[in-house]
């Protein structure tokens, strides 16, 4: 099912962030949402799962209007949307397998032995099976992020939201995360929505890219559309030039 943001407005106090943002994301795509800091990228994905509430507009997932749902109605839908946070939040007191088993026990009612068996299969999916009995503190940031992805995949989500998944990683670990995201779409048909500043990721695995600027989608298209765009605002972002043109406070 496609996801559609229609004329989304969101402000925090007197600071507008999204100002009429509209975007459609096709099922099974890897969609990157990019833009300068504070432009509303993370806000957008938090609005999708109801962690934030919009001021105006509509969010649709197939035939369901998400922004009109209350907490009780959102709960079953959230189980179908996984989210991988930037800091790869895991419980330090639990092994990786136990971390991945948690949602299986809570949401699928599995017994511990069955949940651990499934957890090890999910860790194997992200190349982490041999570390199943390790604790997060024993592992690198990149390995913890892969474990967090395994935990997210344990509930077989239809959509996965990635918030800066390669931030803080060395290039080899970052590209490994990229391959995992790409494989999710190619092998399982998962819709991936990725918030990122990582140009190597953006141009290597994205199906489409949405560039947010001044509260709206300034350009949406394939990586080739961005590389070939004559738009100075787009070129300033992807080349890293600093001319002051995009440095409007709050956007």
C-alpha atoms as a PDB file:
ATOM      1  CA  UNK A   1       0.000   0.000   0.000  1.00  0.00           C
ATOM      2  CA  UNK A   2       1.230   3.471  -0.832  1.00  0.00           C
ATOM      3  CA  UNK A   3       1.828   6.111   1.834  1.00  0.00           C
ATOM      4  CA  UNK A   4       0.707   9.643   1.130  1.00  0.00           C
ATOM      5  CA  UNK A   5       1.345  12.875   3.003  1.00  0.00           C
ATOM      6  CA  UNK A   6      -1.146  15.522   1.901  1.00  0.00           C
ATOM      7  CA  UNK A   7      -0.525  19.222   2.630  1.00  0.00           C
ATOM      8  CA  UNK A   8       1.155  18.596   5.997  1.00  0.00           C
ATOM      9  CA  UNK A   9       1.696  21.492   8.396  1.00  0.00           C
ATOM     10  CA  UNK A  10       3.589  21.201  11.675  1.00  0.00           C
ATOM     11  CA  UNK A  11       4.988  23.866  13.972  1.00  0.00           C
ATOM     12  CA  UNK A  12       6.580  23.812  17.397  1.00  0.00           C
ATOM     13  CA  UNK A  13       5.379  26.895  19.207  1.00  0.00           C
ATOM     14  CA  UNK A  14       5.946  29.808  16.865  1.00  0.00           C
ATOM     15  CA  UNK A  15       8.491  27.898  14.784  1.00  0.00           C
ATOM     16  CA  UNK A  16       7.009  26.389  11.591  1.00  0.00           C
ATOM     17  CA  UNK A  17       8.745  23.249  10.341  1.00  0.00           C
ATOM     18  CA  UNK A  18       6.502  21.674   7.702  1.00  0.00           C
ATOM     19  CA  UNK A  19       4.481  24.128   5.629  1.00  0.00           C
ATOM     20  CA  UNK A  20       2.250  22.308   3.178  1.00  0.00           C
ATOM     21  CA  UNK A  21       4.496  19.275   2.616  1.00  0.00           C
ATOM     22  CA  UNK A  22       3.061  16.669   0.227  1.00  0.00           C
ATOM     23  CA  UNK A  23       4.705  13.376  -0.731  1.00  0.00           C
ATOM     24  CA  UNK A  24       3.659   9.948  -2.013  1.00  0.00           C
ATOM     25  CA  UNK A  25       5.761   6.859  -1.296  1.00  0.00           C
ATOM     26  CA  UNK A  26       5.089   3.749  -3.350  1.00  0.00           C
ATOM     27  CA  UNK A  27       4.914   0.341  -1.693  1.00  0.00           C
ATOM     28  CA  UNK A  28       8.181  -1.591  -1.796  1.00  0.00           C
ATOM     29  CA  UNK A  29      10.344   1.446  -2.527  1.00  0.00           C
ATOM     30  CA  UNK A  30      13.438   2.688  -0.754  1.00  0.00           C
ATOM     31  CA  UNK A  31      12.618   6.361  -0.261  1.00  0.00           C
ATOM     32  CA  UNK A  32      15.206   8.754   1.167  1.00  0.00           C
ATOM     33  CA  UNK A  33      14.072  11.989   2.816  1.00  0.00           C
ATOM     34  CA  UNK A  34      16.911  14.501   2.762  1.00  0.00           C
ATOM     35  CA  UNK A  35      17.550  18.140   3.549  1.00  0.00           C
ATOM     36  CA  UNK A  36      19.455  20.382   5.936  1.00  0.00           C
ATOM     37  CA  UNK A  37      19.202  20.020   9.715  1.00  0.00           C
ATOM     38  CA  UNK A  38      15.900  21.187  11.179  1.00  0.00           C
ATOM     39  CA  UNK A  39      14.000  20.922   7.906  1.00  0.00           C
ATOM     40  CA  UNK A  40      11.513  18.346   9.220  1.00  0.00           C
ATOM     41  CA  UNK A  41      12.869  14.993   8.058  1.00  0.00           C
ATOM     42  CA  UNK A  42      12.588  13.162  11.393  1.00  0.00           C
ATOM     43  CA  UNK A  43       9.377  15.051  12.139  1.00  0.00           C
ATOM     44  CA  UNK A  44       7.881  13.558   8.983  1.00  0.00           C
ATOM     45  CA  UNK A  45       8.465   9.936  10.008  1.00  0.00           C
ATOM     46  CA  UNK A  46       7.334  10.604  13.572  1.00  0.00           C
ATOM     47  CA  UNK A  47       4.077  12.020  12.215  1.00  0.00           C
ATOM     48  CA  UNK A  48       3.579   8.834  10.209  1.00  0.00           C
ATOM     49  CA  UNK A  49       3.538   6.615  13.312  1.00  0.00           C
ATOM     50  CA  UNK A  50       1.714   9.082  15.551  1.00  0.00           C
ATOM     51  CA  UNK A  51       4.684   9.959  17.783  1.00  0.00           C
ATOM     52  CA  UNK A  52       3.875  13.541  16.825  1.00  0.00           C
ATOM     53  CA  UNK A  53       0.522  14.992  15.783  1.00  0.00           C
ATOM     54  CA  UNK A  54       0.213  17.240  12.739  1.00  0.00           C
ATOM     55  CA  UNK A  55      -1.393  20.667  12.847  1.00  0.00           C
ATOM     56  CA  UNK A  56      -3.068  20.382   9.467  1.00  0.00           C
ATOM     57  CA  UNK A  57      -3.215  17.965   6.543  1.00  0.00           C
ATOM     58  CA  UNK A  58      -3.754  14.240   6.060  1.00  0.00           C
ATOM     59  CA  UNK A  59      -1.617  11.086   6.144  1.00  0.00           C
ATOM     60  CA  UNK A  60      -2.927   8.031   4.277  1.00  0.00           C
ATOM     61  CA  UNK A  61      -1.659   4.461   4.194  1.00  0.00           C
ATOM     62  CA  UNK A  62      -3.670   2.702   1.545  1.00  0.00           C
ATOM     63  CA  UNK A  63      -7.321   3.283   2.454  1.00  0.00           C
ATOM     64  CA  UNK A  64      -6.541   4.211   6.072  1.00  0.00           C
ATOM     65  CA  UNK A  65      -6.195   7.819   7.177  1.00  0.00           C
ATOM     66  CA  UNK A  66      -3.578   7.562   9.925  1.00  0.00           C
ATOM     67  CA  UNK A  67      -3.765  11.084  11.341  1.00  0.00           C
ATOM     68  CA  UNK A  68      -7.448  10.608  12.188  1.00  0.00           C
ATOM     69  CA  UNK A  69      -6.802   7.556  14.391  1.00  0.00           C
ATOM     70  CA  UNK A  70      -6.567   7.577  18.175  1.00  0.00           C
ATOM     71  CA  UNK A  71      -3.899   5.758  20.193  1.00  0.00           C
ATOM     72  CA  UNK A  72      -5.964   2.583  20.529  1.00  0.00           C
ATOM     73  CA  UNK A  73      -6.607   2.415  16.786  1.00  0.00           C
ATOM     74  CA  UNK A  74      -2.958   3.162  15.961  1.00  0.00           C
ATOM     75  CA  UNK A  75      -1.513   0.338  18.054  1.00  0.00           C
ATOM     76  CA  UNK A  76      -2.210  -2.555  15.648  1.00  0.00           C
ATOM     77  CA  UNK A  77      -0.969  -0.461  12.705  1.00  0.00           C
ATOM     78  CA  UNK A  78       2.277   0.373  14.504  1.00  0.00           C
ATOM     79  CA  UNK A  79       3.069  -3.335  14.643  1.00  0.00           C
ATOM     80  CA  UNK A  80       3.166  -3.251  10.850  1.00  0.00           C
ATOM     81  CA  UNK A  81       5.555  -0.270  10.807  1.00  0.00           C
ATOM     82  CA  UNK A  82       9.029  -0.804  12.252  1.00  0.00           C
ATOM     83  CA  UNK A  83      11.332   2.004  13.292  1.00  0.00           C
ATOM     84  CA  UNK A  84      15.120   1.879  13.620  1.00  0.00           C
ATOM     85  CA  UNK A  85      16.324   4.806  15.709  1.00  0.00           C
ATOM     86  CA  UNK A  86      19.639   6.568  15.220  1.00  0.00           C
ATOM     87  CA  UNK A  87      21.062   5.329  18.527  1.00  0.00           C
ATOM     88  CA  UNK A  88      20.096   1.641  18.046  1.00  0.00           C
ATOM     89  CA  UNK A  89      18.397   1.446  21.435  1.00  0.00           C
ATOM     90  CA  UNK A  90      18.991  -1.998  22.954  1.00  0.00           C
ATOM     91  CA  UNK A  91      18.769  -3.208  26.549  1.00  0.00           C
ATOM     92  CA  UNK A  92      22.332  -3.518  27.845  1.00  0.00           C
ATOM     93  CA  UNK A  93      21.383  -6.176  30.411  1.00  0.00           C
ATOM     94  CA  UNK A  94      20.096  -8.549  27.715  1.00  0.00           C
ATOM     95  CA  UNK A  95      21.949 -10.503  25.052  1.00  0.00           C
ATOM     96  CA  UNK A  96      21.296  -9.650  21.415  1.00  0.00           C
ATOM     97  CA  UNK A  97      19.057 -12.713  21.086  1.00  0.00           C
ATOM     98  CA  UNK A  98      17.079 -11.686  24.165  1.00  0.00           C
ATOM     99  CA  UNK A  99      16.713  -8.140  22.798  1.00  0.00           C
ATOM    100  CA  UNK A 100      15.341  -9.450  19.501  1.00  0.00           C
ATOM    101  CA  UNK A 101      13.088 -11.937  21.328  1.00  0.00           C
ATOM    102  CA  UNK A 102      11.353  -9.195  23.354  1.00  0.00           C
ATOM    103  CA  UNK A 103       8.833  -8.065  20.705  1.00  0.00           C
ATOM    104  CA  UNK A 104       8.201 -11.705  19.758  1.00  0.00           C
ATOM    105  CA  UNK A 105       7.191 -12.515  23.317  1.00  0.00           C
ATOM    106  CA  UNK A 106       5.198  -9.324  23.809  1.00  0.00           C
ATOM    107  CA  UNK A 107       3.370  -9.062  20.498  1.00  0.00           C
ATOM    108  CA  UNK A 108       3.311 -12.650  19.217  1.00  0.00           C
ATOM    109  CA  UNK A 109       2.968 -14.393  22.566  1.00  0.00           C
ATOM    110  CA  UNK A 110       5.876 -16.738  21.922  1.00  0.00           C
ATOM    111  CA  UNK A 111       7.442 -18.723  24.736  1.00  0.00           C
ATOM    112  CA  UNK A 112      11.055 -17.883  25.505  1.00  0.00           C
ATOM    113  CA  UNK A 113      12.612 -20.905  23.797  1.00  0.00           C
ATOM    114  CA  UNK A 114      10.608 -20.360  20.615  1.00  0.00           C
ATOM    115  CA  UNK A 115      11.273 -16.606  20.677  1.00  0.00           C
ATOM    116  CA  UNK A 116      15.021 -17.116  21.073  1.00  0.00           C
ATOM    117  CA  UNK A 117      15.061 -19.562  18.167  1.00  0.00           C
ATOM    118  CA  UNK A 118      13.272 -17.020  15.967  1.00  0.00           C
ATOM    119  CA  UNK A 119      15.543 -14.237  17.261  1.00  0.00           C
ATOM    120  CA  UNK A 120      18.644 -16.138  16.186  1.00  0.00           C
ATOM    121  CA  UNK A 121      17.134 -16.591  12.729  1.00  0.00           C
ATOM    122  CA  UNK A 122      16.548 -12.833  12.520  1.00  0.00           C
ATOM    123  CA  UNK A 123      20.092 -12.105  13.658  1.00  0.00           C
ATOM    124  CA  UNK A 124      21.324 -14.470  10.971  1.00  0.00           C
ATOM    125  CA  UNK A 125      19.325 -12.425   8.454  1.00  0.00           C
ATOM    126  CA  UNK A 126      21.529  -9.405   9.258  1.00  0.00           C
ATOM    127  CA  UNK A 127      24.762 -11.367   9.570  1.00  0.00           C
ATOM    128  CA  UNK A 128      24.841 -11.323  13.375  1.00  0.00           C
ATOM    129  CA  UNK A 129      23.955 -14.902  14.369  1.00  0.00           C
ATOM    130  CA  UNK A 130      27.406 -15.622  15.809  1.00  0.00           C
ATOM    131  CA  UNK A 131      26.955 -12.747  18.282  1.00  0.00           C
ATOM    132  CA  UNK A 132      23.513 -13.819  19.531  1.00  0.00           C
ATOM    133  CA  UNK A 133      24.760 -14.417  23.091  1.00  0.00           C
ATOM    134  CA  UNK A 134      26.818 -11.246  23.319  1.00  0.00           C
ATOM    135  CA  UNK A 135      25.639  -8.119  25.139  1.00  0.00           C
ATOM    136  CA  UNK A 136      25.347  -4.776  23.322  1.00  0.00           C
ATOM    137  CA  UNK A 137      28.226  -3.185  25.268  1.00  0.00           C
ATOM    138  CA  UNK A 138      30.596  -5.802  23.842  1.00  0.00           C
ATOM    139  CA  UNK A 139      29.894  -4.799  20.244  1.00  0.00           C
ATOM    140  CA  UNK A 140      30.566  -1.913  17.871  1.00  0.00           C
ATOM    141  CA  UNK A 141      27.960   0.720  17.001  1.00  0.00           C
ATOM    142  CA  UNK A 142      27.498  -0.812  13.554  1.00  0.00           C
ATOM    143  CA  UNK A 143      26.873  -4.268  15.017  1.00  0.00           C
ATOM    144  CA  UNK A 144      24.358  -2.854  17.482  1.00  0.00           C
ATOM    145  CA  UNK A 145      22.532  -1.144  14.629  1.00  0.00           C
ATOM    146  CA  UNK A 146      22.321  -4.416  12.719  1.00  0.00           C
ATOM    147  CA  UNK A 147      20.918  -6.085  15.832  1.00  0.00           C
ATOM    148  CA  UNK A 148      18.361  -3.286  16.143  1.00  0.00           C
ATOM    149  CA  UNK A 149      17.327  -3.932  12.539  1.00  0.00           C
ATOM    150  CA  UNK A 150      16.953  -7.645  13.349  1.00  0.00           C
ATOM    151  CA  UNK A 151      14.682  -6.752  16.264  1.00  0.00           C
ATOM    152  CA  UNK A 152      12.577  -4.525  14.011  1.00  0.00           C
ATOM    153  CA  UNK A 153      12.281  -7.292  11.390  1.00  0.00           C
ATOM    154  CA  UNK A 154      11.112  -9.828  13.970  1.00  0.00           C
ATOM    155  CA  UNK A 155       7.506  -8.639  13.597  1.00  0.00           C
ATOM    156  CA  UNK A 156       7.596  -8.798   9.776  1.00  0.00           C
ATOM    157  CA  UNK A 157       6.803  -5.110   9.214  1.00  0.00           C
ATOM    158  CA  UNK A 158       5.462  -3.884   5.904  1.00  0.00           C
ATOM    159  CA  UNK A 159       7.171  -0.505   6.350  1.00  0.00           C
ATOM    160  CA  UNK A 160      10.470   0.267   8.113  1.00  0.00           C
ATOM    161  CA  UNK A 161      11.523   3.783   9.081  1.00  0.00           C
ATOM    162  CA  UNK A 162      15.260   4.435   9.416  1.00  0.00           C
ATOM    163  CA  UNK A 163      16.390   7.601  11.205  1.00  0.00           C
ATOM    164  CA  UNK A 164      20.017   8.357  10.219  1.00  0.00           C
ATOM    165  CA  UNK A 165      20.967   4.645  10.127  1.00  0.00           C
ATOM    166  CA  UNK A 166      24.613   5.187   9.100  1.00  0.00           C
ATOM    167  CA  UNK A 167      25.453   8.137  11.362  1.00  0.00           C
ATOM    168  CA  UNK A 168      28.602   7.485  13.379  1.00  0.00           C
ATOM    169  CA  UNK A 169      29.610   4.411  11.388  1.00  0.00           C
ATOM    170  CA  UNK A 170      32.830   3.743   9.522  1.00  0.00           C
ATOM    171  CA  UNK A 171      32.418   3.459   5.716  1.00  0.00           C
ATOM    172  CA  UNK A 172      32.479  -0.362   5.684  1.00  0.00           C
ATOM    173  CA  UNK A 173      29.796  -0.646   8.389  1.00  0.00           C
ATOM    174  CA  UNK A 174      27.718   2.058   6.717  1.00  0.00           C
ATOM    175  CA  UNK A 175      27.698   0.232   3.389  1.00  0.00           C
ATOM    176  CA  UNK A 176      26.729  -2.993   5.173  1.00  0.00           C
ATOM    177  CA  UNK A 177      23.675  -1.206   6.599  1.00  0.00           C
ATOM    178  CA  UNK A 178      22.908   0.118   3.108  1.00  0.00           C
ATOM    179  CA  UNK A 179      22.900  -3.410   1.703  1.00  0.00           C
ATOM    180  CA  UNK A 180      20.534  -4.578   4.445  1.00  0.00           C
ATOM    181  CA  UNK A 181      18.074  -1.787   3.625  1.00  0.00           C
ATOM    182  CA  UNK A 182      18.273  -2.505  -0.097  1.00  0.00           C
ATOM    183  CA  UNK A 183      17.838  -6.251   0.436  1.00  0.00           C
ATOM    184  CA  UNK A 184      14.711  -5.665   2.548  1.00  0.00           C
ATOM    185  CA  UNK A 185      13.013  -4.052  -0.412  1.00  0.00           C
ATOM    186  CA  UNK A 186      14.340  -6.434  -3.047  1.00  0.00           C
ATOM    187  CA  UNK A 187      13.753  -9.720  -1.200  1.00  0.00           C
ATOM    188  CA  UNK A 188      10.748  -8.968   1.036  1.00  0.00           C
ATOM    189  CA  UNK A 189       8.972  -6.048  -0.631  1.00  0.00           C
ATOM    190  CA  UNK A 190       9.359  -3.899   2.488  1.00  0.00           C
ATOM    191  CA  UNK A 191       8.817  -0.161   2.056  1.00  0.00           C
ATOM    192  CA  UNK A 192      11.826   1.632   3.546  1.00  0.00           C
ATOM    193  CA  UNK A 193      11.754   5.325   4.432  1.00  0.00           C
ATOM    194  CA  UNK A 194      15.234   6.570   5.270  1.00  0.00           C
ATOM    195  CA  UNK A 195      16.161   9.908   6.819  1.00  0.00           C
ATOM    196  CA  UNK A 196      19.817  10.526   6.014  1.00  0.00           C
ATOM    197  CA  UNK A 197      22.600  12.983   5.204  1.00  0.00           C
ATOM    198  CA  UNK A 198      24.830  10.183   3.873  1.00  0.00           C
ATOM    199  CA  UNK A 199      25.259  10.932   0.185  1.00  0.00           C
ATOM    200  CA  UNK A 200      26.944   7.576  -0.483  1.00  0.00           C
ATOM    201  CA  UNK A 201      23.839   5.814   0.864  1.00  0.00           C
ATOM    202  CA  UNK A 202      21.440   8.136  -0.876  1.00  0.00           C
ATOM    203  CA  UNK A 203      22.930   7.697  -4.332  1.00  0.00           C
ATOM    204  CA  UNK A 204      23.663   3.972  -4.072  1.00  0.00           C
ATOM    205  CA  UNK A 205      20.418   2.416  -2.791  1.00  0.00           C
ATOM    206  CA  UNK A 206      17.549   4.905  -3.154  1.00  0.00           C
ATOM    207  CA  UNK A 207      14.700   4.296  -5.577  1.00  0.00           C
ATOM    208  CA  UNK A 208      13.495   7.837  -5.025  1.00  0.00           C
ATOM    209  CA  UNK A 209      14.641  10.857  -3.042  1.00  0.00           C
ATOM    210  CA  UNK A 210      12.540  13.633  -1.515  1.00  0.00           C
ATOM    211  CA  UNK A 211      14.417  16.851  -0.787  1.00  0.00           C
ATOM    212  CA  UNK A 212      12.757  19.018   1.867  1.00  0.00           C
ATOM    213  CA  UNK A 213      13.366  22.752   1.749  1.00  0.00           C
ATOM    214  CA  UNK A 214      11.519  25.556   3.541  1.00  0.00           C
ATOM    215  CA  UNK A 215       8.848  23.196   4.822  1.00  0.00           C
ATOM    216  CA  UNK A 216       7.914  21.560   1.516  1.00  0.00           C
ATOM    217  CA  UNK A 217       9.180  18.934  -0.919  1.00  0.00           C
ATOM    218  CA  UNK A 218      11.429  20.955  -3.191  1.00  0.00           C
ATOM    219  CA  UNK A 219      12.309  18.059  -5.496  1.00  0.00           C
ATOM    220  CA  UNK A 220      11.373  14.386  -5.612  1.00  0.00           C
ATOM    221  CA  UNK A 221      12.826  11.910  -8.070  1.00  0.00           C
ATOM    222  CA  UNK A 222      15.366   9.199  -8.789  1.00  0.00           C
ATOM    223  CA  UNK A 223      19.074   9.665  -7.923  1.00  0.00           C
ATOM    224  CA  UNK A 224      19.765  10.563 -11.558  1.00  0.00           C
ATOM    225  CA  UNK A 225      17.251  13.418 -11.332  1.00  0.00           C
ATOM    226  CA  UNK A 226      19.246  14.917  -8.470  1.00  0.00           C
ATOM    227  CA  UNK A 227      22.639  14.468 -10.058  1.00  0.00           C
ATOM    228  CA  UNK A 228      21.393  16.120 -13.234  1.00  0.00           C
ATOM    229  CA  UNK A 229      19.313  18.852 -11.609  1.00  0.00           C
ATOM    230  CA  UNK A 230      20.317  22.417 -12.548  1.00  0.00           C
ATOM    231  CA  UNK A 231      18.540  23.719  -9.418  1.00  0.00           C
ATOM    232  CA  UNK A 232      21.153  25.652  -7.382  1.00  0.00           C
ATOM    233  CA  UNK A 233      19.511  24.758  -4.068  1.00  0.00           C
ATOM    234  CA  UNK A 234      19.735  21.034  -4.875  1.00  0.00           C
ATOM    235  CA  UNK A 235      23.298  21.318  -6.149  1.00  0.00           C
ATOM    236  CA  UNK A 236      24.350  23.261  -3.057  1.00  0.00           C
ATOM    237  CA  UNK A 237      23.119  20.422  -0.860  1.00  0.00           C
ATOM    238  CA  UNK A 238      24.637  17.520  -2.777  1.00  0.00           C
ATOM    239  CA  UNK A 239      27.981  19.219  -3.413  1.00  0.00           C
ATOM    240  CA  UNK A 240      28.318  20.647   0.092  1.00  0.00           C
ATOM    241  CA  UNK A 241      28.882  24.226  -1.028  1.00  0.00           C
ATOM    242  CA  UNK A 242      28.085  26.831   1.625  1.00  0.00           C
ATOM    243  CA  UNK A 243      26.819  30.017   0.037  1.00  0.00           C
ATOM    244  CA  UNK A 244      24.261  30.973   2.701  1.00  0.00           C
ATOM    245  CA  UNK A 245      21.372  30.376   0.286  1.00  0.00           C
ATOM    246  CA  UNK A 246      19.983  27.467   2.342  1.00  0.00           C
ATOM    247  CA  UNK A 247      20.815  28.736   5.800  1.00  0.00           C
ATOM    248  CA  UNK A 248      17.413  30.110   6.748  1.00  0.00           C
ATOM    249  CA  UNK A 249      17.100  29.546  10.556  1.00  0.00           C
ATOM    250  CA  UNK A 250      14.709  26.745  11.455  1.00  0.00           C
ATOM    251  CA  UNK A 251      14.408  25.254   8.007  1.00  0.00           C
END
